[in-house]
Protein backbone atom coordinates (compact mmCIF):
# COMPACT_ATOMS: atom_id res chain seq x y z
CA MET A 1 9.15 15.14 -5.65
CA LYS A 2 11.18 13.68 -8.45
CA ALA A 3 11.04 15.82 -11.57
CA THR A 4 10.18 12.68 -13.56
CA SER A 5 7.16 11.93 -11.35
CA LEU A 6 5.11 14.72 -12.94
CA SER A 7 4.47 12.58 -16.00
CA PHE A 8 2.89 9.88 -13.79
CA LEU A 9 0.61 12.22 -11.83
CA ARG A 10 -2.60 14.13 -12.57
CA CYS A 11 -4.54 16.92 -10.94
CA PRO A 12 -6.80 15.50 -8.18
CA ALA A 13 -9.76 17.73 -9.16
CA SER A 14 -12.45 15.53 -10.70
CA ARG A 15 -13.40 18.21 -13.24
CA CYS A 16 -9.91 18.24 -14.77
CA GLY A 17 -8.82 16.35 -17.81
CA GLN A 18 -5.47 14.83 -18.53
CA SER A 19 -3.45 17.97 -19.16
CA PRO A 20 0.11 17.45 -17.93
CA LEU A 21 1.14 19.07 -14.67
CA THR A 22 3.98 21.60 -14.77
CA ALA A 23 6.43 22.62 -12.06
CA ASP A 24 7.78 26.01 -11.06
CA VAL A 25 10.92 24.93 -9.21
CA TRP A 26 12.14 27.17 -6.39
CA ALA A 27 14.80 24.81 -5.03
CA ARG A 28 16.12 21.50 -6.25
CA THR A 29 18.66 18.86 -5.32
CA GLN A 30 19.99 15.59 -6.64
CA LEU A 31 19.13 12.25 -5.09
CA PRO A 32 21.85 9.61 -4.57
CA THR A 33 20.51 7.89 -7.70
CA GLY A 34 21.43 11.01 -9.69
CA GLU A 35 17.76 11.91 -10.24
CA ASP A 36 16.61 15.51 -10.09
CA ASP A 37 14.47 16.15 -7.01
CA VAL A 38 12.27 19.22 -6.49
CA LEU A 39 12.75 20.42 -2.92
CA GLU A 40 10.45 23.42 -3.06
CA GLY A 41 8.15 24.95 -5.63
CA LEU A 42 4.67 24.88 -7.11
CA VAL A 43 3.03 22.30 -9.35
CA SER A 44 0.23 23.68 -11.53
CA CYS A 45 -2.68 22.30 -13.52
CA ALA A 46 -3.47 24.06 -16.79
CA ASP A 47 -7.07 22.79 -16.80
CA CYS A 48 -8.28 24.23 -13.50
CA GLY A 49 -5.48 26.63 -12.60
CA GLY A 50 -4.88 24.80 -9.31
CA SER A 51 -1.49 25.05 -7.64
CA TYR A 52 0.03 22.44 -5.36
CA PRO A 53 3.08 23.17 -3.23
CA VAL A 54 6.22 21.10 -2.83
CA VAL A 55 7.72 21.39 0.67
CA ALA A 56 10.83 19.54 1.84
CA GLY A 57 10.55 17.45 -1.33
CA VAL A 58 6.94 16.48 -0.58
CA LEU A 59 4.25 17.39 -3.13
CA LEU A 60 0.87 18.22 -1.55
CA LEU A 61 -1.44 16.97 -4.31
CA ILE A 62 -4.61 17.78 -2.36
CA GLU A 63 -7.71 19.36 -3.95
CA ASP A 64 -8.95 20.89 -0.68
CA LEU A 65 -5.59 22.41 0.17
CA ALA A 66 -7.08 24.96 2.56
CA GLY A 67 -8.73 22.21 4.60
CA TYR A 68 -5.50 20.24 4.63
CA LEU A 69 -3.47 23.23 5.79
CA ARG A 70 -5.92 23.89 8.62
CA ASP A 71 -4.64 20.67 10.22
CA HIS A 72 -1.08 20.51 8.89
CA LEU A 73 0.22 24.06 8.55
CA GLY A 74 1.68 24.10 12.06
CA VAL A 75 3.43 20.78 11.46
CA ILE A 76 4.96 21.93 8.16
CA LEU A 77 6.09 25.34 9.40
CA HIS A 78 7.66 23.77 12.50
CA LEU A 79 9.75 21.17 10.68
CA THR A 80 13.06 21.14 12.55
CA ASP A 81 15.35 19.86 9.82
CA PHE A 82 13.51 20.93 6.66
CA PRO A 83 11.60 24.17 7.33
CA PRO A 84 10.05 25.85 4.27
CA GLY A 85 11.72 28.97 2.94
CA GLU A 86 10.25 32.33 3.75
CA ALA A 87 8.44 32.65 0.42
CA MET A 88 6.92 29.17 0.71
CA ALA A 89 5.91 29.76 4.33
CA GLN A 90 4.08 32.91 3.22
CA TRP A 91 2.44 31.10 0.29
CA LEU A 92 1.20 28.27 2.54
CA THR A 93 -0.05 30.67 5.19
CA SER A 94 -1.97 32.68 2.59
CA ARG A 95 -3.76 29.50 1.39
CA ALA A 96 -4.77 28.35 4.86
CA PRO A 97 -8.14 29.40 6.36
CA ASP A 98 -8.02 32.79 8.07
CA ASP A 99 -8.58 31.30 11.51
CA THR A 100 -5.64 28.87 11.25
CA ASP A 101 -3.07 29.43 14.00
CA ALA A 102 0.26 28.21 12.61
CA ARG A 103 1.76 28.37 16.12
CA TYR A 104 -0.61 25.65 17.25
CA VAL A 105 0.03 21.98 16.49
CA ARG A 106 -2.95 19.77 17.27
CA ARG A 107 -2.41 16.94 19.73
CA SER A 108 -3.28 14.41 17.01
CA MET A 109 -0.48 15.82 14.87
CA LYS A 110 1.96 15.52 17.77
CA LEU A 111 0.92 11.90 18.25
CA GLU A 112 1.46 11.33 14.53
CA GLU A 113 5.22 11.65 14.99
CA ARG A 114 5.10 8.72 17.42
CA TYR A 115 3.06 6.64 15.00
CA VAL A 116 5.45 7.41 12.15
CA ASN A 117 8.24 5.92 14.25
CA ALA A 118 6.10 2.94 15.23
CA PHE A 119 5.30 2.24 11.58
CA LEU A 120 8.96 2.58 10.58
CA GLY A 121 9.60 -0.32 12.93
CA ALA A 122 6.56 -2.23 11.65
CA HIS A 123 7.49 -1.76 7.98
CA TYR A 124 11.25 -2.15 8.05
CA ASP A 125 12.44 -3.68 11.33
CA ARG A 126 10.20 -6.71 11.91
CA ASP A 127 13.00 -9.27 11.78
CA ARG A 128 15.07 -7.47 14.42
CA LEU A 129 12.07 -7.15 16.72
CA ALA A 130 11.33 -10.86 16.26
CA ALA A 131 14.92 -11.78 17.18
CA ASP A 132 15.25 -9.39 20.13
CA PRO A 133 15.88 -11.50 23.30
CA GLU A 134 14.46 -8.70 25.46
CA ASN A 135 11.18 -8.74 23.55
CA PRO A 136 8.72 -10.89 25.53
CA LEU A 137 6.71 -11.37 22.34
CA SER A 138 9.67 -12.36 20.16
CA GLU A 139 8.42 -15.92 19.53
CA LEU A 140 4.96 -14.67 18.62
CA MET A 141 6.52 -11.97 16.45
CA ALA A 142 8.73 -14.50 14.64
CA ALA A 143 5.72 -16.71 13.94
CA ALA A 144 3.71 -13.74 12.69
CA VAL A 145 6.48 -12.44 10.41
CA ALA A 146 6.52 -15.78 8.57
CA ARG A 147 3.01 -15.17 7.24
CA ASP A 148 2.04 -11.63 8.15
CA VAL A 149 0.47 -9.04 5.88
CA TRP A 150 3.86 -7.79 4.60
CA THR A 151 5.12 -11.29 3.82
CA ARG A 152 1.87 -12.11 2.03
CA CYS A 153 2.01 -8.90 0.01
CA SER A 154 5.61 -9.58 -1.03
CA THR A 155 4.67 -13.06 -2.24
CA LEU A 156 1.72 -11.72 -4.20
CA VAL A 157 3.83 -9.02 -5.84
CA ASP A 158 6.26 -11.72 -6.97
CA GLU A 159 3.39 -13.65 -8.53
CA VAL A 160 1.71 -10.68 -10.21
CA ARG A 161 4.92 -8.98 -11.39
CA PRO A 162 3.44 -5.52 -12.07
CA GLY A 163 5.31 -3.02 -14.18
CA SER A 164 3.59 -0.09 -12.46
CA ALA A 165 1.75 0.37 -9.18
CA LEU A 166 -0.06 2.78 -6.87
CA ASP A 167 0.29 2.32 -3.12
CA ALA A 168 -2.69 4.14 -1.58
CA GLY A 169 -2.29 4.95 2.10
CA CYS A 170 1.38 4.03 1.85
CA SER A 171 2.25 5.25 5.36
CA VAL A 172 6.07 5.15 5.62
CA GLY A 173 6.49 3.27 2.35
CA GLY A 174 7.16 -0.38 3.16
CA LEU A 175 5.10 -1.88 0.34
CA SER A 176 6.34 0.73 -2.13
CA ALA A 177 9.90 -0.26 -1.23
CA THR A 178 9.03 -3.90 -1.91
CA LEU A 179 7.48 -2.99 -5.25
CA SER A 180 10.55 -0.94 -6.18
CA GLN A 181 12.75 -3.97 -5.52
CA ARG A 182 10.73 -5.77 -8.21
CA GLN A 183 11.30 -2.79 -10.54
CA ALA A 184 7.63 -1.78 -10.54
CA ARG A 185 7.31 1.96 -11.14
CA THR A 186 5.48 2.93 -7.96
CA ILE A 187 3.87 6.06 -6.56
CA GLY A 188 3.09 5.81 -2.86
CA PHE A 189 0.72 8.37 -1.40
CA ASP A 190 -0.81 9.17 1.96
CA THR A 191 -2.52 12.14 3.60
CA SER A 192 0.05 12.15 6.43
CA PHE A 193 2.76 14.70 5.62
CA LEU A 194 5.14 13.27 8.22
CA SER A 195 4.65 9.72 6.91
CA VAL A 196 5.37 10.71 3.31
CA LEU A 197 8.43 12.70 4.36
CA ALA A 198 9.67 9.65 6.30
CA ALA A 199 9.00 7.38 3.31
CA ARG A 200 10.98 9.62 0.98
CA ARG A 201 13.88 9.79 3.44
CA ALA A 202 13.84 6.03 4.14
CA VAL A 203 13.46 4.80 0.54
CA LEU A 204 14.90 7.65 -1.56
CA SER A 205 17.34 9.24 0.94
CA GLY A 206 15.79 12.61 0.16
CA PRO A 207 16.07 15.33 1.31
CA THR A 208 18.47 13.44 3.63
CA PRO A 209 18.77 9.73 4.47
CA LEU A 210 16.76 8.33 7.37
CA ASP A 211 19.02 5.77 9.01
CA ALA A 212 17.35 5.44 12.43
CA TYR A 213 13.95 5.59 14.10
CA ARG A 214 12.69 6.01 17.62
CA ALA A 215 11.43 2.94 19.47
CA TYR A 216 9.37 4.41 22.27
CA GLY A 217 9.28 3.01 25.79
CA GLU A 218 7.46 4.49 28.73
CA GLY A 219 6.12 8.00 28.21
CA ASP A 220 8.39 10.03 25.95
CA ARG A 221 11.46 7.84 26.52
CA TYR A 222 12.86 6.14 23.46
CA GLN A 223 15.83 4.31 22.02
CA GLU A 224 17.12 4.91 18.52
CA HIS A 225 17.26 1.80 16.37
CA GLY A 226 19.18 1.63 13.13
CA LEU A 227 17.10 1.52 9.96
CA THR A 228 18.04 -0.42 6.84
CA VAL A 229 15.66 -0.30 3.88
CA ALA A 230 15.89 -2.69 0.94
CA ALA A 231 14.70 -0.82 -2.15
CA GLN A 232 15.55 0.30 -5.66
CA PRO A 233 14.81 4.00 -5.22
CA ARG A 234 14.77 4.76 -8.95
CA TYR A 235 11.42 2.99 -9.16
CA ALA A 236 9.57 4.83 -6.36
CA ASP A 237 8.34 8.22 -5.30
CA PHE A 238 5.96 9.47 -2.63
CA VAL A 239 3.47 12.34 -2.50
CA VAL A 240 0.75 13.60 -0.18
CA ALA A 241 -2.58 12.77 -1.82
CA SER A 242 -6.00 11.40 -0.97
CA ALA A 243 -6.91 7.83 -1.89
CA LEU A 244 -10.42 9.09 -2.68
CA ALA A 245 -9.23 11.17 -5.64
CA PRO A 246 -7.46 10.09 -8.84
CA THR A 247 -3.69 10.36 -8.58
CA ALA A 248 -2.22 8.61 -11.62
CA ALA A 249 -2.15 10.15 -15.10
CA GLY A 250 -3.02 6.73 -16.50
CA PRO A 251 -4.01 3.27 -15.24
CA VAL A 252 -1.41 1.01 -13.64
CA ASP A 253 -0.92 -2.75 -13.34
CA LEU A 254 -1.48 -2.92 -9.58
CA THR A 255 -3.33 -0.70 -7.12
CA CYS A 256 -2.96 -1.38 -3.40
CA ALA A 257 -4.82 -0.25 -0.30
CA ILE A 258 -3.18 -1.88 2.71
CA ASN A 259 -5.25 -1.53 5.89
CA LEU A 260 -6.91 1.61 4.54
CA ILE A 261 -10.49 0.92 3.46
CA ASP A 262 -11.81 0.94 7.05
CA LEU A 263 -10.22 4.35 7.73
CA VAL A 264 -11.56 6.50 4.88
CA PRO A 265 -14.95 8.27 5.18
CA ASP A 266 -16.27 6.75 1.93
CA PRO A 267 -15.03 3.14 1.42
CA ALA A 268 -17.16 2.61 -1.72
CA ARG A 269 -15.58 5.66 -3.32
CA LEU A 270 -12.13 4.32 -2.49
CA LEU A 271 -12.97 1.08 -4.25
CA ASP A 272 -14.25 3.02 -7.28
CA THR A 273 -11.06 5.10 -7.40
CA LEU A 274 -8.81 2.04 -7.18
CA VAL A 275 -10.67 0.25 -9.96
CA ALA A 276 -10.65 3.32 -12.22
CA GLN A 277 -6.86 3.52 -11.94
CA THR A 278 -6.23 -0.18 -12.68
CA ASN A 279 -5.56 -1.59 -16.14
CA GLU A 280 -7.92 -4.23 -17.51
CA GLY A 281 -6.29 -7.51 -16.54
CA GLY A 282 -4.46 -5.70 -13.76
CA HIS A 283 -4.82 -6.35 -10.05
CA VAL A 284 -6.23 -4.64 -6.97
CA LEU A 285 -4.81 -5.64 -3.57
CA ILE A 286 -6.87 -4.78 -0.48
CA THR A 287 -6.23 -5.72 3.13
CA SER A 288 -8.12 -4.62 6.24
CA PRO A 289 -8.82 -5.52 9.87
CA TYR A 290 -12.20 -3.72 9.47
CA GLY A 291 -11.93 -1.54 12.54
CA TRP A 292 -14.06 1.13 10.82
CA SER A 293 -12.42 3.87 12.86
CA ASP A 294 -14.49 7.10 12.69
CA VAL A 295 -16.46 5.75 9.71
CA ALA A 296 -20.24 6.12 9.87
CA ARG A 297 -21.88 2.69 10.05
CA ASN A 298 -24.04 3.32 6.99
CA ARG A 299 -20.80 3.89 5.07
CA TRP A 300 -19.19 0.59 6.07
CA LEU A 301 -19.05 -2.08 3.44
CA GLY A 302 -21.99 -4.22 4.58
CA GLY A 303 -22.76 -1.94 7.52
CA ALA A 304 -26.22 -0.87 6.46
CA ALA A 305 -27.21 -4.39 5.35
CA GLY A 306 -25.75 -6.17 8.38
CA GLN A 307 -23.42 -8.12 6.10
CA SER A 308 -19.92 -9.13 7.23
CA SER A 309 -17.22 -6.78 5.95
CA PRO A 310 -15.21 -9.47 4.08
CA ASP A 311 -18.34 -10.69 2.27
CA ALA A 312 -19.43 -7.12 1.53
CA LEU A 313 -16.03 -6.24 0.07
CA ARG A 314 -16.15 -9.20 -2.30
CA SER A 315 -19.71 -8.38 -3.33
CA ALA A 316 -18.89 -4.70 -3.95
CA ALA A 317 -15.78 -5.71 -5.89
CA ALA A 318 -17.74 -8.12 -8.10
CA ASP A 319 -20.20 -5.33 -8.91
CA ARG A 320 -17.21 -3.33 -10.19
CA GLY A 321 -15.82 -6.06 -12.42
CA LEU A 322 -13.28 -7.49 -10.01
CA ARG A 323 -12.73 -11.22 -9.58
CA VAL A 324 -11.01 -12.79 -6.56
CA ALA A 325 -7.62 -14.20 -7.60
CA TRP A 326 -6.37 -15.00 -4.08
CA GLU A 327 -7.65 -14.50 -0.54
CA ASP A 328 -6.85 -15.18 3.09
CA ARG A 329 -9.31 -13.92 5.71
CA GLN A 330 -7.03 -14.44 8.70
CA VAL A 331 -3.62 -12.85 8.10
CA PRO A 332 -1.78 -11.78 11.28
CA TRP A 333 -0.34 -8.31 11.69
CA LEU A 334 1.60 -7.71 14.91
CA TRP A 335 3.39 -4.43 15.52
CA ARG A 336 4.98 -2.55 18.37
CA ASP A 337 3.36 0.70 19.46
CA TYR A 338 5.70 1.11 22.42
CA SER A 339 7.58 -1.25 24.74
CA ARG A 340 4.52 -2.29 26.77
CA PHE A 341 1.89 -1.95 24.06
CA TRP A 342 1.74 -4.25 21.06
CA ARG A 343 -1.12 -4.41 18.56
CA LEU A 344 -2.27 -7.69 17.01
CA HIS A 345 -4.74 -7.59 14.11
CA SER A 346 -6.36 -10.34 12.10
CA VAL A 347 -6.40 -8.93 8.57
CA ASP A 348 -8.54 -9.91 5.62
CA ALA A 349 -6.38 -9.88 2.48
CA VAL A 350 -7.73 -10.15 -1.07
CA LEU A 351 -6.09 -9.91 -4.47
CA PHE A 352 -8.57 -9.09 -7.22
CA VAL A 353 -8.08 -9.14 -10.97
CA ARG A 354 -9.92 -6.56 -13.07
CA THR A 355 -11.85 -8.34 -15.79
């Protein structure tokens, strides 16, 4: 976590006001930009007394920290290259539920490492995959890249020209990197610890640069592909946080939720949170393939009423003072899971303006 990022963040607890967060720094380093980066320590809220740890440079800005550690403690304590210090390991363990076994890493968390690598390729290496002569889908990939969700988002960012942005569900940071290139002060956040760590390494080179990723083939076989990220790292930072809770200390010019709204347990709350953190006259960018993975049907946008998800999103947005500025209901998104498994989505993309 950059030391300067504290002024852009707030406590995620809804009962808290706007008191500034403070940091007790246990270990620090300097990023290649010359910025001060907190490697390990505690961030505290004066309003509620909550404490949020920083591990391997990643701030865990999560209100239900115990619940988060139930799933992630094993992953964090078993980091190969950036293990927490003894004091931090003890602090984390003491905040986890009593029945948490830090020796155990859930299968879903093990699979997450594979998906982090897959998304590194999807966010940063699309052109190489499209030009690869050994890729049987290279022609389809090249056609998709010309108008896929990332290309569309880049074009929209150029048109909107935000000075500040939030990238909710940022994954490994591709859109945040694009925003940083346009000198938009951006905070990317996700609930995946490994994704946020990868984003910080890829975009900020902290704690160490990430210059390669694993392209998986059959089973656990993989090839390492070089990774080049175009970004202006001074304008970005990444934290672990929930998109259903407020993250920014004040409203921003652009809030984004790329392929996220169909993954959260309460899509309407996500929309409320995005709107609340957007300046009047600012923009909200939402894209989704509407898979509604593990989301109760009565929680879907339009699910209970039998309305189509794109129509329901626009209706819910209008109720919250958002007007459609641009839309495309059929944006391709093609990405490589592993050598014999590619995923093709048709994504609904909408740019709203807050009136």
